């Protein structure tokens, strides 16, 4: 059985508080986008294996979130058979696009279907939240306002149908420590749902708090955002903690000359 985990972008991202458990509370609107990995699971009679192709995944393969998702379910469903798992990685990593979280969430959904576990979305989100802060978003995989660590999700009435998305990743790795080092948590000055309802307010009020500290350290990323606005984006921002930057356009942009080596994705939503 195969599925296609997709990436996400953030419309606004506020860091609202530092938690006692070491995490931060956030507020953001997450939007799924049609940039996909490919995940295949086949029942095995021998042992559970994991392999990947495509973009190289750093770290120990045994620590991959997909395997952790399998192990998490196996605690409650000890009769789960072994699996041969293959991931073709296409979503850039450490890019603020949630690719690893999507892989984990889609692994849960795939196993739920493959083994007829009959777990509804509420329980799948509970499992997903144990794997990562924004994993739960990818269970229903629709526009949501995320709060708490990212696991408290509320539907939002937002339609980007017909919008042209341009996504640029310059290949700069932004570590979690660097991303949060320059952020001072604070309550949002605007009500996110109200800003989202008025597109004319997005450019000035739909803010990613990480940009204030990351842009001075990485002016190349700031330059991508500026270039997207120069070519007519009605909104542009860094996604998550970066380094990907996206632009939203009413019409398909033409003639944008990007530096070689950038990861570029264009799609009509």
Protein backbone atom coordinates (compact mmCIF):
# COMPACT_ATOMS: atom_id res chain seq x y z
CA UNK A 1 0.00 0.00 0.00
CA UNK A 2 1.30 3.44 -0.90
CA UNK A 3 0.51 7.02 0.11
CA UNK A 4 1.92 10.44 -0.66
CA UNK A 5 2.72 12.58 2.40
CA UNK A 6 2.53 16.28 1.57
CA UNK A 7 4.22 19.40 2.87
CA UNK A 8 2.66 22.42 4.58
CA UNK A 9 3.25 26.15 4.78
CA UNK A 10 2.52 28.54 7.64
CA UNK A 11 0.39 31.65 7.24
CA UNK A 12 1.67 33.61 10.22
CA UNK A 13 3.58 32.03 13.09
CA UNK A 14 3.57 33.57 16.56
CA UNK A 15 5.63 32.24 19.45
CA UNK A 16 3.33 33.00 22.36
CA UNK A 17 4.96 31.41 25.43
CA UNK A 18 7.80 29.23 26.74
CA UNK A 19 6.41 26.08 28.33
CA UNK A 20 7.62 24.31 31.45
CA UNK A 21 8.20 21.14 29.40
CA UNK A 22 10.80 22.93 27.27
CA UNK A 23 8.56 23.42 24.25
CA UNK A 24 7.00 26.68 23.09
CA UNK A 25 3.36 27.56 22.56
CA UNK A 26 2.64 28.79 19.07
CA UNK A 27 -0.19 30.18 16.99
CA UNK A 28 -0.22 29.62 13.26
CA UNK A 29 -2.41 28.79 10.30
CA UNK A 30 -1.11 25.67 8.57
CA UNK A 31 -1.98 24.97 4.94
CA UNK A 32 -1.29 21.68 3.11
CA UNK A 33 0.47 22.06 -0.23
CA UNK A 34 0.85 19.54 -3.11
CA UNK A 35 4.56 18.85 -2.66
CA UNK A 36 4.85 15.16 -1.82
CA UNK A 37 7.01 12.30 -0.62
CA UNK A 38 6.02 8.71 -1.46
CA UNK A 39 5.59 6.14 1.32
CA UNK A 40 5.10 2.42 0.68
CA UNK A 41 4.41 -0.31 3.26
CA UNK A 42 4.36 -4.04 2.47
CA UNK A 43 3.72 -6.78 5.03
CA UNK A 44 6.85 -8.83 5.74
CA UNK A 45 7.15 -12.36 7.16
CA UNK A 46 10.68 -11.77 8.49
CA UNK A 47 11.38 -8.42 10.13
CA UNK A 48 10.52 -4.74 9.89
CA UNK A 49 12.84 -2.84 7.58
CA UNK A 50 13.12 0.79 6.50
CA UNK A 51 14.87 2.20 3.47
CA UNK A 52 14.78 5.54 1.69
CA UNK A 53 15.61 6.95 -1.72
CA UNK A 54 15.54 10.47 -3.11
CA UNK A 55 16.89 13.23 -0.92
CA UNK A 56 19.38 12.01 1.66
CA UNK A 57 17.94 11.86 5.18
CA UNK A 58 20.50 12.77 7.85
CA UNK A 59 20.75 10.87 11.11
CA UNK A 60 20.24 7.26 12.12
CA UNK A 61 17.57 5.55 9.97
CA UNK A 62 16.45 3.61 13.06
CA UNK A 63 15.37 6.94 14.58
CA UNK A 64 13.13 7.87 11.66
CA UNK A 65 9.66 9.02 12.73
CA UNK A 66 8.03 6.45 10.45
CA UNK A 67 9.59 3.63 12.45
CA UNK A 68 8.63 5.40 15.66
CA UNK A 69 5.04 5.55 14.40
CA UNK A 70 5.13 1.79 13.78
CA UNK A 71 6.57 1.14 17.24
CA UNK A 72 4.00 3.42 18.85
CA UNK A 73 1.09 1.53 17.31
CA UNK A 74 2.67 -1.84 18.07
CA UNK A 75 2.58 -1.04 21.80
CA UNK A 76 -1.21 -0.98 21.66
CA UNK A 77 -1.59 -3.51 18.84
CA UNK A 78 1.09 -6.12 19.60
CA UNK A 79 -0.08 -8.42 16.80
CA UNK A 80 0.90 -5.97 14.08
CA UNK A 81 2.96 -7.86 11.49
CA UNK A 82 6.40 -6.82 10.33
CA UNK A 83 6.65 -4.34 7.48
CA UNK A 84 9.00 -3.48 4.65
CA UNK A 85 8.87 0.31 4.54
CA UNK A 86 10.18 2.41 1.67
CA UNK A 87 10.19 6.21 1.65
CA UNK A 88 11.05 8.24 -1.42
CA UNK A 89 12.05 11.63 -0.03
CA UNK A 90 11.21 14.67 -2.14
CA UNK A 91 10.29 17.32 0.46
CA UNK A 92 13.44 19.17 1.62
CA UNK A 93 14.34 18.55 5.26
CA UNK A 94 14.92 21.19 7.92
CA UNK A 95 13.06 23.55 5.62
CA UNK A 96 9.99 24.54 7.63
CA UNK A 97 7.73 22.40 5.44
CA UNK A 98 6.84 19.65 7.92
CA UNK A 99 7.98 16.80 5.68
CA UNK A 100 9.13 14.53 8.49
CA UNK A 101 5.96 15.16 10.46
CA UNK A 102 3.85 14.40 7.39
CA UNK A 103 5.70 11.13 6.83
CA UNK A 104 4.96 10.06 10.41
CA UNK A 105 1.28 11.04 10.25
CA UNK A 106 0.75 9.35 6.89
CA UNK A 107 2.48 6.24 8.25
CA UNK A 108 -0.14 6.10 11.02
CA UNK A 109 -2.95 6.52 8.49
CA UNK A 110 -1.45 3.93 6.16
CA UNK A 111 -1.14 1.33 8.94
CA UNK A 112 -4.66 2.12 10.12
CA UNK A 113 -5.96 1.23 6.65
CA UNK A 114 -3.56 -1.64 5.98
CA UNK A 115 -4.39 -3.46 9.20
CA UNK A 116 -8.05 -2.42 9.56
CA UNK A 117 -7.44 -0.87 12.98
CA UNK A 118 -10.58 1.30 12.60
CA UNK A 119 -9.02 4.24 14.46
CA UNK A 120 -10.87 7.50 13.83
CA UNK A 121 -9.05 10.78 13.29
CA UNK A 122 -9.26 11.77 16.97
CA UNK A 123 -7.21 8.74 18.04
CA UNK A 124 -4.81 9.08 15.13
CA UNK A 125 -4.18 12.69 16.16
CA UNK A 126 -3.49 11.53 19.72
CA UNK A 127 -0.84 9.13 18.43
CA UNK A 128 0.56 11.73 16.03
CA UNK A 129 0.95 14.33 18.78
CA UNK A 130 3.26 11.91 20.60
CA UNK A 131 5.57 11.83 17.60
CA UNK A 132 5.98 15.57 16.96
CA UNK A 133 4.45 18.97 17.54
CA UNK A 134 2.85 19.40 14.10
CA UNK A 135 2.31 15.73 13.21
CA UNK A 136 -1.37 15.85 14.21
CA UNK A 137 -2.07 18.49 11.55
CA UNK A 138 -1.44 15.97 8.77
CA UNK A 139 -4.11 13.52 9.95
CA UNK A 140 -7.08 15.51 8.59
CA UNK A 141 -4.65 17.45 6.39
CA UNK A 142 -6.75 20.56 5.81
CA UNK A 143 -6.26 24.26 6.71
CA UNK A 144 -6.19 24.59 10.48
CA UNK A 145 -5.30 27.10 13.17
CA UNK A 146 -2.68 25.41 15.35
CA UNK A 147 -2.06 26.38 18.94
CA UNK A 148 -0.33 24.82 21.94
CA UNK A 149 2.75 22.95 20.70
CA UNK A 150 0.96 22.76 17.35
CA UNK A 151 -1.29 19.86 18.31
CA UNK A 152 -4.37 21.93 19.28
CA UNK A 153 -6.15 22.31 15.97
CA UNK A 154 -9.20 24.28 14.89
CA UNK A 155 -10.72 24.37 11.39
CA UNK A 156 -10.45 27.69 9.57
CA UNK A 157 -12.57 28.96 6.70
CA UNK A 158 -9.83 29.70 4.18
CA UNK A 159 -9.82 28.96 0.47
CA UNK A 160 -6.65 29.50 -1.56
CA UNK A 161 -8.07 27.79 -4.63
CA UNK A 162 -6.67 29.32 -7.82
CA UNK A 163 -3.72 30.93 -6.04
CA UNK A 164 -0.31 30.31 -7.57
CA UNK A 165 2.27 29.13 -5.04
CA UNK A 166 5.98 29.65 -5.55
CA UNK A 167 8.18 27.91 -2.98
CA UNK A 168 11.93 28.50 -2.73
CA UNK A 169 14.38 26.65 -0.52
CA UNK A 170 17.98 27.93 -0.60
CA UNK A 171 19.34 24.84 1.17
CA UNK A 172 20.29 26.71 4.34
CA UNK A 173 19.76 24.59 7.44
CA UNK A 174 18.16 26.46 10.34
CA UNK A 175 18.51 24.49 13.58
CA UNK A 176 15.87 24.64 16.29
CA UNK A 177 18.32 26.26 18.70
CA UNK A 178 19.16 29.04 16.25
CA UNK A 179 15.51 29.58 15.34
CA UNK A 180 14.35 30.09 18.91
CA UNK A 181 17.46 31.91 20.17
CA UNK A 182 16.32 35.30 18.89
CA UNK A 183 12.62 34.97 19.69
CA UNK A 184 10.94 36.61 22.68
CA UNK A 185 7.57 34.93 23.27
CA UNK A 186 4.63 37.34 23.48
CA UNK A 187 0.88 37.34 23.07
CA UNK A 188 -0.17 38.17 19.50
CA UNK A 189 -1.15 41.80 18.89
CA UNK A 190 -3.78 40.79 16.34
CA UNK A 191 -6.49 38.14 16.23
CA UNK A 192 -5.25 35.62 13.68
CA UNK A 193 -8.67 34.59 12.40
CA UNK A 194 -9.59 38.25 11.72
CA UNK A 195 -6.38 38.89 9.78
CA UNK A 196 -6.84 35.73 7.71
CA UNK A 197 -10.34 36.89 6.75
CA UNK A 198 -8.95 40.08 5.15
CA UNK A 199 -6.24 39.41 2.59
CA UNK A 200 -5.37 43.12 2.39
CA UNK A 201 -3.95 42.81 5.94
CA UNK A 202 -1.73 39.82 5.29
CA UNK A 203 1.42 41.60 4.10
CA UNK A 204 1.62 43.90 7.13
CA UNK A 205 0.02 41.82 9.88
CA UNK A 206 0.46 38.12 9.06
CA UNK A 207 3.90 37.76 10.60
CA UNK A 208 6.30 34.86 11.14
CA UNK A 209 8.09 35.69 14.41
CA UNK A 210 11.19 33.72 13.37
CA UNK A 211 11.95 36.13 10.52
CA UNK A 212 13.07 38.92 12.88
CA UNK A 213 16.02 36.90 14.14
CA UNK A 214 16.77 34.64 11.17
CA UNK A 215 16.78 37.28 8.43
CA UNK A 216 19.69 39.33 9.91
CA UNK A 217 21.76 36.15 10.22
CA UNK A 218 20.79 34.90 6.75
CA UNK A 219 20.14 37.88 4.46
CA UNK A 220 19.89 35.48 1.51
CA UNK A 221 16.59 34.21 2.92
CA UNK A 222 15.31 37.75 3.42
CA UNK A 223 16.28 38.49 -0.17
CA UNK A 224 14.08 35.67 -1.46
CA UNK A 225 11.05 37.14 0.30
CA UNK A 226 11.80 40.59 -1.10
CA UNK A 227 12.18 39.19 -4.61
CA UNK A 228 8.82 37.42 -4.41
CA UNK A 229 7.14 40.72 -3.52
CA UNK A 230 9.00 42.48 -6.33
CA UNK A 231 7.47 40.01 -8.79
CA UNK A 232 3.92 40.57 -7.61
CA UNK A 233 3.23 38.22 -4.72
CA UNK A 234 0.26 39.38 -2.66
CA UNK A 235 1.82 37.59 0.31
CA UNK A 236 5.26 36.14 0.99
CA UNK A 237 6.79 34.70 4.14
CA UNK A 238 9.20 32.18 5.55
CA UNK A 239 7.50 28.89 6.39
CA UNK A 240 7.94 27.51 9.89
CA UNK A 241 11.43 28.09 11.22
CA UNK A 242 12.80 28.24 7.67
CA UNK A 243 14.64 28.31 5.47
CA UNK A 244 11.93 27.87 2.83
CA UNK A 245 10.15 31.01 1.66
CA UNK A 246 6.91 31.01 -0.29
CA UNK A 247 4.99 33.54 -2.31
CA UNK A 248 1.28 33.57 -3.15
CA UNK A 249 0.27 35.13 -6.48
CA UNK A 250 -3.05 35.95 -8.11
CA UNK A 251 -1.54 35.08 -11.51
CA UNK A 252 1.30 32.79 -12.50
CA UNK A 253 4.52 34.82 -12.12
CA UNK A 254 6.83 35.02 -15.10
CA UNK A 255 10.51 35.69 -15.52
CA UNK A 256 11.77 35.21 -11.97
CA UNK A 257 15.48 34.37 -12.23
CA UNK A 258 16.50 32.26 -9.25
CA UNK A 259 20.02 31.31 -8.25
CA UNK A 260 21.16 27.85 -9.32
CA UNK A 261 20.99 25.28 -6.56
CA UNK A 262 17.74 26.57 -5.06
CA UNK A 263 14.92 24.08 -4.67
CA UNK A 264 12.02 25.55 -6.63
CA UNK A 265 8.38 24.42 -6.57
CA UNK A 266 5.52 26.09 -8.43
CA UNK A 267 1.92 24.94 -8.34
CA UNK A 268 -1.60 26.30 -8.71
CA UNK A 269 -3.49 25.55 -5.51
